[in-house]
Amino acid sequence: MPAEPSPASRPRAIGIATAIMCALAGGALWCLLSLYSRGDLAGLAFLVALPVTWTLRRHGYAGRWSGALVAAACVALAAFYSFYLQAVARIAGMLGLPMRETLLRMEPGMAIDIARANTGTTSIAIVVAAIVFAGAFVKRRA
């Protein structure tokens, strides 16, 4: 029979799950706003980083390298998810298909290539700065 997780580890696991969900929700909202404004809005990576870092700090990751790595990974996940969804939405719009059908039919490699082609150097630099910010903010002592 597997051992029960200790009470101290449960809140941390919930913190990671919550941070991932914040990143995915932030990425989806980022995509929606980007499509509405017809730009990639890379600066929203900093806004996505705020709830992720707050969640991790509240669940005991403040001042830890592990928390900094999780925060950086979550912001990177949000950026990837947003750019991926933006690529799928562009293809769906061009083909006149529903986004859900396009998402299911489209090869991931094609969506990644389209996202890469539509993302400029400045946007990548802004996202990298947000990733570093998230890691540094969680690593900072309380």
N, C-alpha and C. Protein backbone atom coordinates (compact mmCIF):
# COMPACT_ATOMS: atom_id res chain seq x y z
N MET A 1 0.84 -1.17 0.00
CA MET A 1 0.00 0.00 0.00
C MET A 1 0.90 1.25 0.00
N PRO A 2 0.65 2.21 -0.93
CA PRO A 2 1.49 3.39 -0.99
C PRO A 2 1.34 4.25 0.25
N ALA A 3 2.43 4.88 0.62
CA ALA A 3 2.44 5.73 1.81
C ALA A 3 1.67 7.02 1.54
N GLU A 4 0.99 7.49 2.55
CA GLU A 4 0.27 8.76 2.47
C GLU A 4 1.30 9.89 2.40
N PRO A 5 1.06 10.91 1.57
CA PRO A 5 1.97 12.05 1.58
C PRO A 5 1.88 12.78 2.92
N SER A 6 3.00 13.30 3.34
CA SER A 6 3.00 13.99 4.63
C SER A 6 2.17 15.27 4.53
N PRO A 7 1.60 15.71 5.66
CA PRO A 7 0.79 16.94 5.63
C PRO A 7 1.57 18.14 5.12
N ALA A 8 2.88 18.19 5.37
CA ALA A 8 3.67 19.33 4.92
C ALA A 8 3.84 19.33 3.40
N SER A 9 3.83 18.15 2.76
CA SER A 9 4.03 18.10 1.32
C SER A 9 2.75 18.35 0.53
N ARG A 10 1.61 18.11 1.14
CA ARG A 10 0.34 18.30 0.44
C ARG A 10 0.13 19.74 -0.01
N PRO A 11 0.30 20.74 0.86
CA PRO A 11 0.11 22.12 0.39
C PRO A 11 1.07 22.50 -0.72
N ARG A 12 2.28 21.96 -0.69
CA ARG A 12 3.23 22.28 -1.75
C ARG A 12 2.79 21.67 -3.07
N ALA A 13 2.29 20.45 -3.04
CA ALA A 13 1.79 19.83 -4.27
C ALA A 13 0.58 20.60 -4.80
N ILE A 14 -0.26 21.04 -3.90
CA ILE A 14 -1.42 21.84 -4.31
C ILE A 14 -0.93 23.18 -4.87
N GLY A 15 0.13 23.72 -4.31
CA GLY A 15 0.70 24.97 -4.81
C GLY A 15 1.20 24.83 -6.24
N ILE A 16 1.86 23.73 -6.54
CA ILE A 16 2.35 23.51 -7.90
C ILE A 16 1.17 23.35 -8.86
N ALA A 17 0.18 22.55 -8.45
CA ALA A 17 -1.00 22.36 -9.31
C ALA A 17 -1.72 23.68 -9.55
N THR A 18 -1.84 24.49 -8.53
CA THR A 18 -2.50 25.79 -8.66
C THR A 18 -1.70 26.72 -9.57
N ALA A 19 -0.38 26.71 -9.42
CA ALA A 19 0.46 27.55 -10.27
C ALA A 19 0.35 27.13 -11.74
N ILE A 20 0.29 25.83 -12.00
CA ILE A 20 0.14 25.35 -13.37
C ILE A 20 -1.21 25.78 -13.94
N MET A 21 -2.25 25.67 -13.13
CA MET A 21 -3.59 26.08 -13.59
C MET A 21 -3.65 27.59 -13.83
N CYS A 22 -2.98 28.37 -12.98
CA CYS A 22 -2.91 29.82 -13.20
C CYS A 22 -2.20 30.12 -14.52
N ALA A 23 -1.13 29.37 -14.79
CA ALA A 23 -0.38 29.58 -16.02
C ALA A 23 -1.23 29.25 -17.24
N LEU A 24 -1.95 28.14 -17.20
CA LEU A 24 -2.78 27.76 -18.34
C LEU A 24 -3.94 28.74 -18.54
N ALA A 25 -4.57 29.14 -17.45
CA ALA A 25 -5.66 30.12 -17.55
C ALA A 25 -5.11 31.46 -18.05
N GLY A 26 -3.97 31.86 -17.55
CA GLY A 26 -3.35 33.10 -18.01
C GLY A 26 -2.96 33.03 -19.47
N GLY A 27 -2.46 31.88 -19.91
CA GLY A 27 -2.11 31.70 -21.32
C GLY A 27 -3.32 31.78 -22.22
N ALA A 28 -4.43 31.20 -21.79
CA ALA A 28 -5.66 31.25 -22.59
C ALA A 28 -6.19 32.68 -22.67
N LEU A 29 -6.18 33.39 -21.55
CA LEU A 29 -6.63 34.79 -21.55
C LEU A 29 -5.71 35.65 -22.40
N TRP A 30 -4.42 35.41 -22.28
CA TRP A 30 -3.42 36.11 -23.08
C TRP A 30 -3.70 35.90 -24.57
N CYS A 31 -3.99 34.68 -24.94
CA CYS A 31 -4.32 34.36 -26.34
C CYS A 31 -5.56 35.13 -26.79
N LEU A 32 -6.58 35.10 -25.97
CA LEU A 32 -7.82 35.78 -26.32
C LEU A 32 -7.60 37.28 -26.52
N LEU A 33 -6.89 37.90 -25.60
CA LEU A 33 -6.61 39.34 -25.72
C LEU A 33 -5.72 39.63 -26.92
N SER A 34 -4.77 38.75 -27.19
CA SER A 34 -3.89 38.93 -28.35
C SER A 34 -4.67 38.83 -29.66
N LEU A 35 -5.58 37.90 -29.73
CA LEU A 35 -6.39 37.77 -30.94
C LEU A 35 -7.30 38.98 -31.11
N TYR A 36 -7.83 39.47 -30.01
CA TYR A 36 -8.71 40.63 -30.07
C TYR A 36 -7.96 41.88 -30.51
N SER A 37 -6.72 42.04 -30.02
CA SER A 37 -5.94 43.23 -30.34
C SER A 37 -5.09 43.08 -31.61
N ARG A 38 -5.03 41.86 -32.16
CA ARG A 38 -4.25 41.56 -33.36
C ARG A 38 -2.75 41.80 -33.16
N GLY A 39 -2.28 41.49 -31.96
CA GLY A 39 -0.85 41.56 -31.64
C GLY A 39 -0.53 40.41 -30.71
N ASP A 40 0.75 40.18 -30.44
CA ASP A 40 1.06 39.04 -29.57
C ASP A 40 1.06 39.41 -28.09
N LEU A 41 1.09 40.68 -27.74
CA LEU A 41 1.01 41.17 -26.36
C LEU A 41 1.93 40.40 -25.42
N ALA A 42 3.19 40.30 -25.78
CA ALA A 42 4.16 39.55 -24.99
C ALA A 42 4.29 40.09 -23.56
N GLY A 43 4.00 41.35 -23.36
CA GLY A 43 4.08 41.94 -22.03
C GLY A 43 3.12 41.29 -21.02
N LEU A 44 2.10 40.61 -21.52
CA LEU A 44 1.18 39.93 -20.61
C LEU A 44 1.86 38.78 -19.87
N ALA A 45 3.02 38.38 -20.31
CA ALA A 45 3.76 37.33 -19.60
C ALA A 45 4.05 37.78 -18.17
N PHE A 46 4.28 39.07 -17.97
CA PHE A 46 4.51 39.57 -16.61
C PHE A 46 3.24 39.49 -15.77
N LEU A 47 2.09 39.75 -16.39
CA LEU A 47 0.84 39.64 -15.65
C LEU A 47 0.51 38.19 -15.30
N VAL A 48 0.87 37.28 -16.18
CA VAL A 48 0.67 35.86 -15.89
C VAL A 48 1.62 35.42 -14.77
N ALA A 49 2.81 36.01 -14.73
CA ALA A 49 3.80 35.64 -13.72
C ALA A 49 3.34 36.02 -12.30
N LEU A 50 2.54 37.06 -12.17
CA LEU A 50 2.14 37.52 -10.83
C LEU A 50 1.34 36.48 -10.05
N PRO A 51 0.23 35.94 -10.57
CA PRO A 51 -0.49 34.93 -9.77
C PRO A 51 0.31 33.64 -9.58
N VAL A 52 1.15 33.31 -10.55
CA VAL A 52 1.98 32.11 -10.42
C VAL A 52 2.95 32.27 -9.26
N THR A 53 3.65 33.40 -9.24
CA THR A 53 4.63 33.61 -8.17
C THR A 53 3.95 33.77 -6.82
N TRP A 54 2.83 34.46 -6.78
CA TRP A 54 2.12 34.63 -5.52
C TRP A 54 1.69 33.27 -4.96
N THR A 55 1.15 32.43 -5.83
CA THR A 55 0.70 31.10 -5.41
C THR A 55 1.85 30.28 -4.85
N LEU A 56 2.95 30.27 -5.56
CA LEU A 56 4.09 29.48 -5.10
C LEU A 56 4.66 30.01 -3.79
N ARG A 57 4.74 31.31 -3.66
CA ARG A 57 5.24 31.89 -2.41
C ARG A 57 4.32 31.56 -1.24
N ARG A 58 3.01 31.59 -1.47
CA ARG A 58 2.05 31.30 -0.40
C ARG A 58 2.06 29.82 0.01
N HIS A 59 2.54 28.95 -0.87
CA HIS A 59 2.57 27.53 -0.57
C HIS A 59 3.95 27.05 -0.15
N GLY A 60 4.78 27.96 0.31
CA GLY A 60 6.05 27.56 0.93
C GLY A 60 7.25 27.49 0.01
N TYR A 61 7.17 28.05 -1.17
CA TYR A 61 8.31 27.99 -2.09
C TYR A 61 9.16 29.25 -2.08
N ALA A 62 8.83 30.23 -1.25
CA ALA A 62 9.61 31.48 -1.21
C ALA A 62 11.04 31.17 -0.76
N GLY A 63 11.99 31.69 -1.50
CA GLY A 63 13.39 31.51 -1.16
C GLY A 63 13.97 30.16 -1.57
N ARG A 64 13.25 29.37 -2.31
CA ARG A 64 13.74 28.04 -2.72
C ARG A 64 14.02 28.01 -4.23
N TRP A 65 15.08 27.29 -4.56
CA TRP A 65 15.40 27.12 -5.98
C TRP A 65 14.32 26.31 -6.69
N SER A 66 13.77 25.34 -5.99
CA SER A 66 12.73 24.52 -6.62
C SER A 66 11.52 25.39 -6.99
N GLY A 67 11.17 26.32 -6.12
CA GLY A 67 10.06 27.23 -6.42
C GLY A 67 10.39 28.14 -7.59
N ALA A 68 11.63 28.61 -7.65
CA ALA A 68 12.04 29.46 -8.76
C ALA A 68 11.96 28.71 -10.09
N LEU A 69 12.37 27.46 -10.09
CA LEU A 69 12.30 26.66 -11.31
C LEU A 69 10.85 26.38 -11.72
N VAL A 70 9.99 26.09 -10.74
CA VAL A 70 8.59 25.85 -11.05
C VAL A 70 7.95 27.13 -11.59
N ALA A 71 8.25 28.26 -11.00
CA ALA A 71 7.68 29.53 -11.47
C ALA A 71 8.13 29.83 -12.90
N ALA A 72 9.41 29.65 -13.16
CA ALA A 72 9.91 29.89 -14.51
C ALA A 72 9.26 28.94 -15.51
N ALA A 73 9.12 27.69 -15.14
CA ALA A 73 8.49 26.71 -16.03
C ALA A 73 7.03 27.06 -16.28
N CYS A 74 6.33 27.53 -15.27
CA CYS A 74 4.92 27.88 -15.43
C CYS A 74 4.74 29.07 -16.37
N VAL A 75 5.58 30.07 -16.26
CA VAL A 75 5.49 31.23 -17.15
C VAL A 75 5.84 30.82 -18.58
N ALA A 76 6.84 29.95 -18.72
CA ALA A 76 7.18 29.44 -20.05
C ALA A 76 6.02 28.63 -20.62
N LEU A 77 5.37 27.84 -19.79
CA LEU A 77 4.21 27.07 -20.22
C LEU A 77 3.09 28.00 -20.69
N ALA A 78 2.84 29.06 -19.94
CA ALA A 78 1.79 30.02 -20.33
C ALA A 78 2.10 30.66 -21.67
N ALA A 79 3.36 31.04 -21.88
CA ALA A 79 3.74 31.66 -23.16
C ALA A 79 3.59 30.67 -24.30
N PHE A 80 4.07 29.45 -24.09
CA PHE A 80 3.95 28.43 -25.13
C PHE A 80 2.48 28.17 -25.47
N TYR A 81 1.67 28.03 -24.44
CA TYR A 81 0.24 27.76 -24.62
C TYR A 81 -0.43 28.91 -25.37
N SER A 82 -0.12 30.13 -25.00
CA SER A 82 -0.72 31.29 -25.67
C SER A 82 -0.32 31.35 -27.13
N PHE A 83 0.96 31.23 -27.41
CA PHE A 83 1.43 31.31 -28.79
C PHE A 83 0.90 30.14 -29.62
N TYR A 84 0.79 28.97 -29.01
CA TYR A 84 0.26 27.80 -29.70
C TYR A 84 -1.21 28.02 -30.06
N LEU A 85 -1.99 28.50 -29.10
CA LEU A 85 -3.41 28.76 -29.37
C LEU A 85 -3.59 29.87 -30.40
N GLN A 86 -2.72 30.87 -30.38
CA GLN A 86 -2.80 31.93 -31.38
C GLN A 86 -2.55 31.38 -32.78
N ALA A 87 -1.60 30.46 -32.90
CA ALA A 87 -1.31 29.84 -34.20
C ALA A 87 -2.50 29.02 -34.68
N VAL A 88 -3.09 28.26 -33.78
CA VAL A 88 -4.27 27.46 -34.15
C VAL A 88 -5.41 28.37 -34.56
N ALA A 89 -5.62 29.45 -33.85
CA ALA A 89 -6.70 30.38 -34.18
C ALA A 89 -6.48 31.03 -35.54
N ARG A 90 -5.23 31.35 -35.87
CA ARG A 90 -4.95 31.93 -37.19
C ARG A 90 -5.29 30.96 -38.31
N ILE A 91 -4.88 29.70 -38.13
CA ILE A 91 -5.18 28.69 -39.15
C ILE A 91 -6.68 28.46 -39.24
N ALA A 92 -7.35 28.39 -38.10
CA ALA A 92 -8.80 28.20 -38.10
C ALA A 92 -9.49 29.34 -38.83
N GLY A 93 -9.04 30.55 -38.62
CA GLY A 93 -9.61 31.71 -39.29
C GLY A 93 -9.37 31.67 -40.79
N MET A 94 -8.18 31.26 -41.20
CA MET A 94 -7.88 31.20 -42.63
C MET A 94 -8.68 30.11 -43.34
N LEU A 95 -8.89 28.99 -42.65
CA LEU A 95 -9.60 27.87 -43.27
C LEU A 95 -11.10 27.93 -43.06
N GLY A 96 -11.56 28.80 -42.18
CA GLY A 96 -12.98 28.90 -41.90
C GLY A 96 -13.52 27.73 -41.10
N LEU A 97 -12.66 27.12 -40.29
CA LEU A 97 -13.04 25.98 -39.46
C LEU A 97 -13.19 26.43 -38.01
N PRO A 98 -13.97 25.69 -37.23
CA PRO A 98 -14.01 25.98 -35.80
C PRO A 98 -12.63 25.72 -35.16
N MET A 99 -12.32 26.48 -34.15
CA MET A 99 -11.01 26.35 -33.52
C MET A 99 -10.82 24.97 -32.91
N ARG A 100 -11.86 24.41 -32.33
CA ARG A 100 -11.74 23.08 -31.72
C ARG A 100 -11.37 22.03 -32.76
N GLU A 101 -12.03 22.08 -33.90
CA GLU A 101 -11.73 21.10 -34.96
C GLU A 101 -10.31 21.29 -35.48
N THR A 102 -9.90 22.54 -35.64
CA THR A 102 -8.54 22.83 -36.10
C THR A 102 -7.52 22.34 -35.08
N LEU A 103 -7.79 22.54 -33.81
CA LEU A 103 -6.88 22.11 -32.76
C LEU A 103 -6.71 20.60 -32.77
N LEU A 104 -7.79 19.87 -33.02
CA LEU A 104 -7.71 18.41 -33.04
C LEU A 104 -7.06 17.88 -34.31
N ARG A 105 -7.23 18.57 -35.43
CA ARG A 105 -6.69 18.09 -36.70
C ARG A 105 -5.26 18.52 -36.97
N MET A 106 -4.88 19.66 -36.44
CA MET A 106 -3.59 20.26 -36.76
C MET A 106 -2.46 19.52 -36.08
N GLU A 107 -1.40 19.28 -36.82
CA GLU A 107 -0.21 18.65 -36.25
C GLU A 107 0.48 19.65 -35.32
N PRO A 108 0.96 19.20 -34.16
CA PRO A 108 1.63 20.13 -33.25
C PRO A 108 2.85 20.81 -33.87
N GLY A 109 3.58 20.09 -34.70
CA GLY A 109 4.75 20.69 -35.34
C GLY A 109 4.40 21.89 -36.20
N MET A 110 3.29 21.79 -36.91
CA MET A 110 2.85 22.90 -37.75
C MET A 110 2.47 24.11 -36.90
N ALA A 111 1.76 23.88 -35.82
CA ALA A 111 1.37 24.99 -34.93
C ALA A 111 2.60 25.65 -34.31
N ILE A 112 3.57 24.84 -33.93
CA ILE A 112 4.80 25.39 -33.33
C ILE A 112 5.56 26.21 -34.37
N ASP A 113 5.64 25.72 -35.60
CA ASP A 113 6.32 26.48 -36.66
C ASP A 113 5.62 27.80 -36.94
N ILE A 114 4.30 27.79 -36.97
CA ILE A 114 3.54 29.02 -37.21
C ILE A 114 3.74 29.99 -36.04
N ALA A 115 3.70 29.48 -34.84
CA ALA A 115 3.91 30.33 -33.66
C ALA A 115 5.31 30.94 -33.69
N ARG A 116 6.30 30.13 -34.05
CA ARG A 116 7.68 30.62 -34.12
C ARG A 116 7.82 31.69 -35.20
N ALA A 117 7.17 31.51 -36.32
CA ALA A 117 7.25 32.48 -37.41
C ALA A 117 6.56 33.80 -37.06
N ASN A 118 5.54 33.74 -36.22
CA ASN A 118 4.79 34.96 -35.86
C ASN A 118 5.29 35.63 -34.59
N THR A 119 6.32 35.08 -33.98
CA THR A 119 6.84 35.65 -32.74
C THR A 119 8.17 36.33 -33.04
N GLY A 120 8.24 37.61 -32.76
CA GLY A 120 9.45 38.38 -33.05
C GLY A 120 10.49 38.28 -31.93
N THR A 121 11.66 38.78 -32.23
CA THR A 121 12.76 38.76 -31.27
C THR A 121 12.43 39.56 -30.02
N THR A 122 11.76 40.68 -30.20
CA THR A 122 11.39 41.50 -29.04
C THR A 122 10.42 40.75 -28.14
N SER A 123 9.46 40.09 -28.73
CA SER A 123 8.49 39.32 -27.94
C SER A 123 9.17 38.20 -27.17
N ILE A 124 10.09 37.53 -27.82
CA ILE A 124 10.83 36.45 -27.14
C ILE A 124 11.63 37.02 -25.98
N ALA A 125 12.27 38.18 -26.19
CA ALA A 125 13.05 38.80 -25.12
C ALA A 125 12.16 39.20 -23.94
N ILE A 126 10.97 39.70 -24.23
CA ILE A 126 10.03 40.08 -23.16
C ILE A 126 9.59 38.85 -22.38
N VAL A 127 9.29 37.77 -23.08
CA VAL A 127 8.87 36.53 -22.40
C VAL A 127 10.01 35.98 -21.56
N VAL A 128 11.22 35.99 -22.08
CA VAL A 128 12.38 35.51 -21.30
C VAL A 128 12.57 36.38 -20.06
N ALA A 129 12.39 37.69 -20.20
CA ALA A 129 12.50 38.58 -19.03
C ALA A 129 11.43 38.24 -17.99
N ALA A 130 10.22 37.91 -18.43
CA ALA A 130 9.15 37.53 -17.50
C ALA A 130 9.47 36.21 -16.82
N ILE A 131 10.06 35.28 -17.55
CA ILE A 131 10.45 34.00 -16.96
C ILE A 131 11.51 34.22 -15.88
N VAL A 132 12.49 35.05 -16.18
CA VAL A 132 13.54 35.36 -15.20
C VAL A 132 12.94 36.09 -14.00
N PHE A 133 12.04 37.03 -14.25
CA PHE A 133 11.37 37.75 -13.17
C PHE A 133 10.64 36.79 -12.25
N ALA A 134 9.89 35.86 -12.82
CA ALA A 134 9.12 34.92 -12.01
C ALA A 134 10.04 34.07 -11.13
N GLY A 135 11.10 33.57 -11.71
CA GLY A 135 12.05 32.78 -10.93
C GLY A 135 12.71 33.58 -9.83
N ALA A 136 13.13 34.79 -10.16
CA ALA A 136 13.79 35.64 -9.17
C ALA A 136 12.85 36.07 -8.06
N PHE A 137 11.60 36.35 -8.40
CA PHE A 137 10.64 36.79 -7.38
C PHE A 137 10.31 35.68 -6.39
N VAL A 138 10.21 34.46 -6.88
CA VAL A 138 9.95 33.34 -5.97
C VAL A 138 11.20 33.04 -5.16
N LYS A 139 12.37 33.15 -5.75
CA LYS A 139 13.62 32.85 -5.05
C LYS A 139 13.90 33.86 -3.95
N ARG A 140 13.41 35.07 -4.11
CA ARG A 140 13.64 36.13 -3.11
C ARG A 140 13.04 35.71 -1.76
N ARG A 141 13.76 35.94 -0.73
CA ARG A 141 13.29 35.59 0.62
C ARG A 141 12.06 36.41 1.00
N ALA A 142 11.26 35.86 1.89
CA ALA A 142 10.04 36.55 2.32
C ALA A 142 10.37 37.77 3.15
